[in-house]
C-alpha atoms as a PDB file:
ATOM      1  CA  UNK A   1      74.458 100.412  71.648  1.00  0.00           C
ATOM      2  CA  UNK A   2      71.928  98.506  73.861  1.00  0.00           C
ATOM      3  CA  UNK A   3      71.913  98.282  77.820  1.00  0.00           C
ATOM      4  CA  UNK A   4      70.680  95.001  79.141  1.00  0.00           C
ATOM      5  CA  UNK A   5      69.933  94.863  82.781  1.00  0.00           C
ATOM      6  CA  UNK A   6      70.375  91.510  84.539  1.00  0.00           C
ATOM      7  CA  UNK A   7      69.502  90.803  88.091  1.00  0.00           C
ATOM      8  CA  UNK A   8      73.404  91.409  89.189  1.00  0.00           C
ATOM      9  CA  UNK A   9      74.726  93.534  86.533  1.00  0.00           C
ATOM     10  CA  UNK A  10      74.077  95.766  83.651  1.00  0.00           C
ATOM     11  CA  UNK A  11      75.655  95.060  80.338  1.00  0.00           C
ATOM     12  CA  UNK A  12      76.281  97.342  77.160  1.00  0.00           C
ATOM     13  CA  UNK A  13      76.364  95.475  73.850  1.00  0.00           C
ATOM     14  CA  UNK A  14      77.080  96.859  70.532  1.00  0.00           C
ATOM     15  CA  UNK A  15      78.025  95.726  67.113  1.00  0.00           C
ATOM     16  CA  UNK A  16      77.648  92.152  65.321  1.00  0.00           C
ATOM     17  CA  UNK A  17      80.217  89.497  64.675  1.00  0.00           C
ATOM     18  CA  UNK A  18      82.289  87.460  66.956  1.00  0.00           C
ATOM     19  CA  UNK A  19      81.730  88.520  70.611  1.00  0.00           C
ATOM     20  CA  UNK A  20      84.429  90.237  72.838  1.00  0.00           C
ATOM     21  CA  UNK A  21      83.452  90.489  76.475  1.00  0.00           C
ATOM     22  CA  UNK A  22      85.534  93.338  78.244  1.00  0.00           C
ATOM     23  CA  UNK A  23      85.956  93.116  82.150  1.00  0.00           C
ATOM     24  CA  UNK A  24      87.053  96.444  83.706  1.00  0.00           C
ATOM     25  CA  UNK A  25      89.205  96.598  86.838  1.00  0.00           C
ATOM     26  CA  UNK A  26      88.755  97.829  90.320  1.00  0.00           C
ATOM     27  CA  UNK A  27      87.683 101.468  90.178  1.00  0.00           C
ATOM     28  CA  UNK A  28      86.609 101.031  86.711  1.00  0.00           C
ATOM     29  CA  UNK A  29      83.323 100.701  84.637  1.00  0.00           C
ATOM     30  CA  UNK A  30      82.255  99.689  81.220  1.00  0.00           C
ATOM     31  CA  UNK A  31      83.595 103.079  80.164  1.00  0.00           C
ATOM     32  CA  UNK A  32      87.266 101.997  80.913  1.00  0.00           C
ATOM     33  CA  UNK A  33      87.216 100.370  77.586  1.00  0.00           C
ATOM     34  CA  UNK A  34      85.846 103.322  75.415  1.00  0.00           C
ATOM     35  CA  UNK A  35      89.232 104.172  73.860  1.00  0.00           C
ATOM     36  CA  UNK A  36      89.576 100.881  72.377  1.00  0.00           C
ATOM     37  CA  UNK A  37      85.972 100.521  70.931  1.00  0.00           C
ATOM     38  CA  UNK A  38      86.612 102.091  67.558  1.00  0.00           C
ATOM     39  CA  UNK A  39      89.500  99.622  66.755  1.00  0.00           C
ATOM     40  CA  UNK A  40      87.125  96.868  67.358  1.00  0.00           C
ATOM     41  CA  UNK A  41      84.682  97.136  64.389  1.00  0.00           C
ATOM     42  CA  UNK A  42      83.117  94.056  63.161  1.00  0.00           C
ATOM     43  CA  UNK A  43      83.066  92.506  66.488  1.00  0.00           C
ATOM     44  CA  UNK A  44      80.144  92.334  68.798  1.00  0.00           C
ATOM     45  CA  UNK A  45      81.324  94.093  72.153  1.00  0.00           C
ATOM     46  CA  UNK A  46      79.882  93.219  75.547  1.00  0.00           C
ATOM     47  CA  UNK A  47      80.817  95.326  78.386  1.00  0.00           C
ATOM     48  CA  UNK A  48      79.709  94.679  81.468  1.00  0.00           C
ATOM     49  CA  UNK A  49      79.463  96.985  84.712  1.00  0.00           C
ATOM     50  CA  UNK A  50      80.446  94.505  87.318  1.00  0.00           C
ATOM     51  CA  UNK A  51      78.390  94.301  90.439  1.00  0.00           C
ATOM     52  CA  UNK A  52      79.030  97.486  92.551  1.00  0.00           C
ATOM     53  CA  UNK A  53      80.391  99.331  89.832  1.00  0.00           C
ATOM     54  CA  UNK A  54      78.887 101.958  87.138  1.00  0.00           C
ATOM     55  CA  UNK A  55      75.232 101.257  86.817  1.00  0.00           C
ATOM     56  CA  UNK A  56      75.209  97.853  88.475  1.00  0.00           C
ATOM     57  CA  UNK A  57      73.760  97.357  91.988  1.00  0.00           C
ATOM     58  CA  UNK A  58      75.837  96.452  95.042  1.00  0.00           C
ATOM     59  CA  UNK A  59      75.004  93.053  96.489  1.00  0.00           C
ATOM     60  CA  UNK A  60      73.832  92.847  99.729  1.00  0.00           C
ATOM     61  CA  UNK A  61      76.341  90.059 100.558  1.00  0.00           C
ATOM     62  CA  UNK A  62      79.828  89.737  99.506  1.00  0.00           C
ATOM     63  CA  UNK A  63      81.472  89.937  96.227  1.00  0.00           C
ATOM     64  CA  UNK A  64      83.502  86.946  95.175  1.00  0.00           C
ATOM     65  CA  UNK A  65      85.708  86.410  92.162  1.00  0.00           C
ATOM     66  CA  UNK A  66      84.411  82.967  91.334  1.00  0.00           C
ATOM     67  CA  UNK A  67      80.859  84.062  91.887  1.00  0.00           C
ATOM     68  CA  UNK A  68      81.329  86.745  89.543  1.00  0.00           C
ATOM     69  CA  UNK A  69      82.659  84.290  86.759  1.00  0.00           C
ATOM     70  CA  UNK A  70      79.647  82.086  87.107  1.00  0.00           C
ATOM     71  CA  UNK A  71      77.318  84.706  86.795  1.00  0.00           C
ATOM     72  CA  UNK A  72      79.027  86.351  84.033  1.00  0.00           C
ATOM     73  CA  UNK A  73      78.664  83.058  82.129  1.00  0.00           C
ATOM     74  CA  UNK A  74      75.207  82.611  82.985  1.00  0.00           C
ATOM     75  CA  UNK A  75      74.381  86.007  81.742  1.00  0.00           C
ATOM     76  CA  UNK A  76      76.291  85.462  78.432  1.00  0.00           C
ATOM     77  CA  UNK A  77      74.543  82.215  77.747  1.00  0.00           C
ATOM     78  CA  UNK A  78      71.071  84.218  78.209  1.00  0.00           C
ATOM     79  CA  UNK A  79      72.543  86.571  75.386  1.00  0.00           C
ATOM     80  CA  UNK A  80      73.195  83.446  73.343  1.00  0.00           C
ATOM     81  CA  UNK A  81      76.772  83.734  73.446  1.00  0.00           C
ATOM     82  CA  UNK A  82      78.577  80.286  73.373  1.00  0.00           C
ATOM     83  CA  UNK A  83      82.179  81.359  72.688  1.00  0.00           C
ATOM     84  CA  UNK A  84      83.855  84.699  72.935  1.00  0.00           C
ATOM     85  CA  UNK A  85      87.128  86.476  73.468  1.00  0.00           C
ATOM     86  CA  UNK A  86      87.675  87.549  76.870  1.00  0.00           C
ATOM     87  CA  UNK A  87      89.533  90.799  77.788  1.00  0.00           C
ATOM     88  CA  UNK A  88      90.104  91.842  81.081  1.00  0.00           C
ATOM     89  CA  UNK A  89      91.923  94.867  83.217  1.00  0.00           C
ATOM     90  CA  UNK A  90      93.136  94.255  86.453  1.00  0.00           C
ATOM     91  CA  UNK A  91      90.450  92.625  88.834  1.00  0.00           C
ATOM     92  CA  UNK A  92      88.732  91.753  85.442  1.00  0.00           C
ATOM     93  CA  UNK A  93      91.813  89.509  84.661  1.00  0.00           C
ATOM     94  CA  UNK A  94      91.369  87.379  87.627  1.00  0.00           C
ATOM     95  CA  UNK A  95      87.637  86.972  86.452  1.00  0.00           C
ATOM     96  CA  UNK A  96      88.751  86.190  83.065  1.00  0.00           C
ATOM     97  CA  UNK A  97      91.266  83.357  84.371  1.00  0.00           C
ATOM     98  CA  UNK A  98      88.570  81.854  86.431  1.00  0.00           C
ATOM     99  CA  UNK A  99      86.190  81.962  83.647  1.00  0.00           C
ATOM    100  CA  UNK A 100      88.450  80.331  81.159  1.00  0.00           C
ATOM    101  CA  UNK A 101      89.182  77.498  83.647  1.00  0.00           C
ATOM    102  CA  UNK A 102      85.444  76.940  84.990  1.00  0.00           C
ATOM    103  CA  UNK A 103      84.019  77.442  81.509  1.00  0.00           C
ATOM    104  CA  UNK A 104      86.600  76.357  78.895  1.00  0.00           C
ATOM    105  CA  UNK A 105      84.114  76.430  76.016  1.00  0.00           C
ATOM    106  CA  UNK A 106      83.174  79.748  76.375  1.00  0.00           C
ATOM    107  CA  UNK A 107      86.737  81.204  76.301  1.00  0.00           C
ATOM    108  CA  UNK A 108      88.187  81.426  72.793  1.00  0.00           C
ATOM    109  CA  UNK A 109      91.060  83.644  74.107  1.00  0.00           C
ATOM    110  CA  UNK A 110      92.118  85.741  76.906  1.00  0.00           C
ATOM    111  CA  UNK A 111      93.606  89.204  76.805  1.00  0.00           C
ATOM    112  CA  UNK A 112      94.746  90.485  80.046  1.00  0.00           C
ATOM    113  CA  UNK A 113      95.846  93.872  80.634  1.00  0.00           C
ATOM    114  CA  UNK A 114      97.690  94.652  84.016  1.00  0.00           C
ATOM    115  CA  UNK A 115      97.447  91.230  85.004  1.00  0.00           C
ATOM    116  CA  UNK A 116      96.818  89.710  88.689  1.00  0.00           C
ATOM    117  CA  UNK A 117      97.555  86.015  89.345  1.00  0.00           C
ATOM    118  CA  UNK A 118      96.885  86.396  93.184  1.00  0.00           C
ATOM    119  CA  UNK A 119      97.379  89.315  95.478  1.00  0.00           C
ATOM    120  CA  UNK A 120     100.442  89.099  97.634  1.00  0.00           C
ATOM    121  CA  UNK A 121      99.748  89.281 101.539  1.00  0.00           C
ATOM    122  CA  UNK A 122     101.057  92.832 101.648  1.00  0.00           C
ATOM    123  CA  UNK A 123      98.510  93.696  98.484  1.00  0.00           C
ATOM    124  CA  UNK A 124      95.768  91.908 100.483  1.00  0.00           C
ATOM    125  CA  UNK A 125      96.395  93.984 103.772  1.00  0.00           C
ATOM    126  CA  UNK A 126      96.434  97.322 101.464  1.00  0.00           C
ATOM    127  CA  UNK A 127      93.079  96.188  99.653  1.00  0.00           C
ATOM    128  CA  UNK A 128      91.482  95.737 103.111  1.00  0.00           C
ATOM    129  CA  UNK A 129      92.678  98.940 104.531  1.00  0.00           C
ATOM    130  CA  UNK A 130      91.352 100.703 101.413  1.00  0.00           C
ATOM    131  CA  UNK A 131      87.948  99.363 101.813  1.00  0.00           C
ATOM    132  CA  UNK A 132      88.011 100.699 105.369  1.00  0.00           C
ATOM    133  CA  UNK A 133      89.206 103.902 104.319  1.00  0.00           C
ATOM    134  CA  UNK A 134      86.560 104.230 101.592  1.00  0.00           C
ATOM    135  CA  UNK A 135      83.660 103.608 103.990  1.00  0.00           C
ATOM    136  CA  UNK A 136      85.170 106.139 106.446  1.00  0.00           C
ATOM    137  CA  UNK A 137      86.169 108.930 104.186  1.00  0.00           C
ATOM    138  CA  UNK A 138      84.329 108.519 100.800  1.00  0.00           C
ATOM    139  CA  UNK A 139      85.646 107.909  97.430  1.00  0.00           C
ATOM    140  CA  UNK A 140      87.236 111.482  96.764  1.00  0.00           C
ATOM    141  CA  UNK A 141      89.892 110.406  99.272  1.00  0.00           C
ATOM    142  CA  UNK A 142      90.464 107.084  97.581  1.00  0.00           C
ATOM    143  CA  UNK A 143      90.498 108.714  94.094  1.00  0.00           C
ATOM    144  CA  UNK A 144      93.350 111.167  95.498  1.00  0.00           C
ATOM    145  CA  UNK A 145      95.157 108.451  97.245  1.00  0.00           C
ATOM    146  CA  UNK A 146      95.147 105.853  94.156  1.00  0.00           C
ATOM    147  CA  UNK A 147      95.298 107.801  90.982  1.00  0.00           C
ATOM    148  CA  UNK A 148      98.816 109.159  91.381  1.00  0.00           C
ATOM    149  CA  UNK A 149     100.482 105.626  92.183  1.00  0.00           C
ATOM    150  CA  UNK A 150      98.436 103.693  89.573  1.00  0.00           C
ATOM    151  CA  UNK A 151      99.527 105.649  86.686  1.00  0.00           C
ATOM    152  CA  UNK A 152     102.825 106.232  85.178  1.00  0.00           C
ATOM    153  CA  UNK A 153     105.033 108.744  87.052  1.00  0.00           C
ATOM    154  CA  UNK A 154     104.791 111.424  84.361  1.00  0.00           C
ATOM    155  CA  UNK A 155     101.018 110.932  83.689  1.00  0.00           C
ATOM    156  CA  UNK A 156      99.594 113.943  85.298  1.00  0.00           C
ATOM    157  CA  UNK A 157     101.939 116.107  83.226  1.00  0.00           C
ATOM    158  CA  UNK A 158     102.199 114.345  79.934  1.00  0.00           C
ATOM    159  CA  UNK A 159      98.839 112.389  80.030  1.00  0.00           C
ATOM    160  CA  UNK A 160      96.399 114.848  81.823  1.00  0.00           C
ATOM    161  CA  UNK A 161      93.122 113.101  80.217  1.00  0.00           C
ATOM    162  CA  UNK A 162      94.300 109.748  81.363  1.00  0.00           C
ATOM    163  CA  UNK A 163      94.782 111.242  84.882  1.00  0.00           C
ATOM    164  CA  UNK A 164      91.539 112.901  85.030  1.00  0.00           C
ATOM    165  CA  UNK A 165      89.630 109.743  83.635  1.00  0.00           C
ATOM    166  CA  UNK A 166      91.113 107.468  86.225  1.00  0.00           C
ATOM    167  CA  UNK A 167      90.592 109.837  89.254  1.00  0.00           C
ATOM    168  CA  UNK A 168      86.862 110.789  88.022  1.00  0.00           C
ATOM    169  CA  UNK A 169      86.249 107.020  87.463  1.00  0.00           C
ATOM    170  CA  UNK A 170      87.190 106.343  91.058  1.00  0.00           C
ATOM    171  CA  UNK A 171      85.410 109.600  92.486  1.00  0.00           C
ATOM    172  CA  UNK A 172      81.965 108.207  91.059  1.00  0.00           C
ATOM    173  CA  UNK A 173      82.099 104.701  92.371  1.00  0.00           C
ATOM    174  CA  UNK A 174      79.686 103.385  94.813  1.00  0.00           C
ATOM    175  CA  UNK A 175      81.480 103.640  98.054  1.00  0.00           C
ATOM    176  CA  UNK A 176      80.134 100.296  99.289  1.00  0.00           C
ATOM    177  CA  UNK A 177      80.368  98.659  95.955  1.00  0.00           C
ATOM    178  CA  UNK A 178      83.980  99.735  95.885  1.00  0.00           C
ATOM    179  CA  UNK A 179      84.799  98.462  99.303  1.00  0.00           C
ATOM    180  CA  UNK A 180      83.433  95.083  98.773  1.00  0.00           C
ATOM    181  CA  UNK A 181      85.177  94.623  95.389  1.00  0.00           C
ATOM    182  CA  UNK A 182      88.264  95.668  97.377  1.00  0.00           C
ATOM    183  CA  UNK A 183      87.517  92.699  99.956  1.00  0.00           C
ATOM    184  CA  UNK A 184      86.834  90.382  97.070  1.00  0.00           C
ATOM    185  CA  UNK A 185      90.054  91.010  95.546  1.00  0.00           C
ATOM    186  CA  UNK A 186      91.968  90.936  98.924  1.00  0.00           C
ATOM    187  CA  UNK A 187      90.113  87.348  99.411  1.00  0.00           C
ATOM    188  CA  UNK A 188      90.808  86.149  95.983  1.00  0.00           C
ATOM    189  CA  UNK A 189      92.759  82.997  95.057  1.00  0.00           C
ATOM    190  CA  UNK A 190      94.460  82.285  91.837  1.00  0.00           C
ATOM    191  CA  UNK A 191      93.246  79.718  89.520  1.00  0.00           C
ATOM    192  CA  UNK A 192      95.072  77.030  87.863  1.00  0.00           C
ATOM    193  CA  UNK A 193      96.755  78.667  84.960  1.00  0.00           C
ATOM    194  CA  UNK A 194      98.200  75.394  83.309  1.00  0.00           C
ATOM    195  CA  UNK A 195      94.543  74.428  82.720  1.00  0.00           C
ATOM    196  CA  UNK A 196      93.999  77.643  80.499  1.00  0.00           C
ATOM    197  CA  UNK A 197      93.858  76.030  76.977  1.00  0.00           C
ATOM    198  CA  UNK A 198      93.040  79.105  74.784  1.00  0.00           C
ATOM    199  CA  UNK A 199      95.621  81.591  73.595  1.00  0.00           C
ATOM    200  CA  UNK A 200      96.395  84.256  76.045  1.00  0.00           C
ATOM    201  CA  UNK A 201      97.735  87.654  75.567  1.00  0.00           C
ATOM    202  CA  UNK A 202      99.272  89.551  78.499  1.00  0.00           C
ATOM    203  CA  UNK A 203      99.855  93.285  78.319  1.00  0.00           C
ATOM    204  CA  UNK A 204     101.418  95.486  81.097  1.00  0.00           C
ATOM    205  CA  UNK A 205     103.097  98.674  81.541  1.00  0.00           C
ATOM    206  CA  UNK A 206     106.937  98.946  82.700  1.00  0.00           C
ATOM    207  CA  UNK A 207     105.840 100.968  85.661  1.00  0.00           C
ATOM    208  CA  UNK A 208     102.710  98.738  86.609  1.00  0.00           C
ATOM    209  CA  UNK A 209     103.007  97.952  90.406  1.00  0.00           C
ATOM    210  CA  UNK A 210     100.073  95.947  90.482  1.00  0.00           C
ATOM    211  CA  UNK A 211     100.651  93.691  87.437  1.00  0.00           C
ATOM    212  CA  UNK A 212     104.247  94.323  86.973  1.00  0.00           C
ATOM    213  CA  UNK A 213     106.339  92.836  84.023  1.00  0.00           C
ATOM    214  CA  UNK A 214     107.672  89.792  85.994  1.00  0.00           C
ATOM    215  CA  UNK A 215     104.140  88.882  86.648  1.00  0.00           C
ATOM    216  CA  UNK A 216     103.054  89.144  83.066  1.00  0.00           C
ATOM    217  CA  UNK A 217     105.933  87.037  81.950  1.00  0.00           C
ATOM    218  CA  UNK A 218     105.238  84.401  84.415  1.00  0.00           C
ATOM    219  CA  UNK A 219     101.518  84.244  83.491  1.00  0.00           C
ATOM    220  CA  UNK A 220     102.384  83.994  79.783  1.00  0.00           C
ATOM    221  CA  UNK A 221     104.770  81.285  80.576  1.00  0.00           C
ATOM    222  CA  UNK A 222     102.468  79.117  82.600  1.00  0.00           C
ATOM    223  CA  UNK A 223      99.300  79.060  80.419  1.00  0.00           C
ATOM    224  CA  UNK A 224      99.578  76.691  77.473  1.00  0.00           C
ATOM    225  CA  UNK A 225      99.563  79.536  74.661  1.00  0.00           C
ATOM    226  CA  UNK A 226     100.746  82.761  76.174  1.00  0.00           C
ATOM    227  CA  UNK A 227     102.714  85.973  75.015  1.00  0.00           C
ATOM    228  CA  UNK A 228     103.721  89.069  77.028  1.00  0.00           C
ATOM    229  CA  UNK A 229     103.945  92.697  75.951  1.00  0.00           C
ATOM    230  CA  UNK A 230     105.451  95.411  78.051  1.00  0.00           C
ATOM    231  CA  UNK A 231     104.595  98.912  76.949  1.00  0.00           C
ATOM    232  CA  UNK A 232     107.117 101.714  78.018  1.00  0.00           C
ATOM    233  CA  UNK A 233     106.084 104.666  80.092  1.00  0.00           C
ATOM    234  CA  UNK A 234     102.924 103.161  81.287  1.00  0.00           C
ATOM    235  CA  UNK A 235     101.618 102.297  84.603  1.00  0.00           C
ATOM    236  CA  UNK A 236      98.407 100.015  85.763  1.00  0.00           C
ATOM    237  CA  UNK A 237      95.921 101.609  83.406  1.00  0.00           C
ATOM    238  CA  UNK A 238      97.382 100.615  80.014  1.00  0.00           C
ATOM    239  CA  UNK A 239      94.198 100.762  78.059  1.00  0.00           C
ATOM    240  CA  UNK A 240      93.587 104.328  79.286  1.00  0.00           C
ATOM    241  CA  UNK A 241      97.450 105.452  79.466  1.00  0.00           C
ATOM    242  CA  UNK A 242      98.209 103.779  75.848  1.00  0.00           C
ATOM    243  CA  UNK A 243      95.028 103.104  74.057  1.00  0.00           C
ATOM    244  CA  UNK A 244      96.552 103.114  70.535  1.00  0.00           C
ATOM    245  CA  UNK A 245      99.221 100.708  71.559  1.00  0.00           C
ATOM    246  CA  UNK A 246      96.606  98.335  73.595  1.00  0.00           C
ATOM    247  CA  UNK A 247      94.155  98.449  70.627  1.00  0.00           C
ATOM    248  CA  UNK A 248      97.004  97.398  68.109  1.00  0.00           C
ATOM    249  CA  UNK A 249      98.203  94.525  70.085  1.00  0.00           C
ATOM    250  CA  UNK A 250      94.523  93.440  70.901  1.00  0.00           C
ATOM    251  CA  UNK A 251      93.800  93.553  67.191  1.00  0.00           C
ATOM    252  CA  UNK A 252      96.808  91.785  66.140  1.00  0.00           C
ATOM    253  CA  UNK A 253      95.893  88.958  68.620  1.00  0.00           C
ATOM    254  CA  UNK A 254      92.255  88.292  68.407  1.00  0.00           C
ATOM    255  CA  UNK A 255      92.195  88.620  64.530  1.00  0.00           C
ATOM    256  CA  UNK A 256      94.306  85.689  64.194  1.00  0.00           C
ATOM    257  CA  UNK A 257      91.905  83.409  66.204  1.00  0.00           C
ATOM    258  CA  UNK A 258      89.200  81.409  64.534  1.00  0.00           C
ATOM    259  CA  UNK A 259      86.048  80.692  66.437  1.00  0.00           C
END
């Protein structure tokens, strides 16, 4: 495993073969994908810490989805990556969608977990309020507020490791980086889904309140080559809550696509 520092973000790379770029969600880091890594032998895995998260610096100005997509494409070009499978969770799914539209030659496929097409008005207000709360009270308050409602109802009892991971991931976020990411998502616009030509897999949980099954199905039906999977007893953090199922669906999807 190698860590590479760019001006705007850190990336971890490991393995050889066809590249898979894995984009974490709000409150996550490159570690959010760790449970899926063993199943992806034979691929070159590239896992960024997005700006303001993990080991990546928080920018002085605003964070914007479109800017992140362009920055990511530029960093991948420096690594010699011309074409890759793009995997995203939550916030990362929006970046992936914009990347596929703005840099279509780069995206061989998209695999979107807990997808977001565009935040609803109520969600935008909650995100702005969450940014304020983070700055006022810190990330421990955010972690205790977000974790119970973002996982399946029985997660704390039946999936205590997943519950602890998501809580800890939020607690360790840089406060300002998290707040700016909340504001970026609150101000985000969707992209032209019909313009996405590559194959798209959409995976969500039956209890996902952020990327519910209806949104997953809408996304899969709007892109040119889409399919949707709904996982039972699963909330918004499918790669953490149901790693074996996510790994199986991801492998079945990407290993059929020639680059």
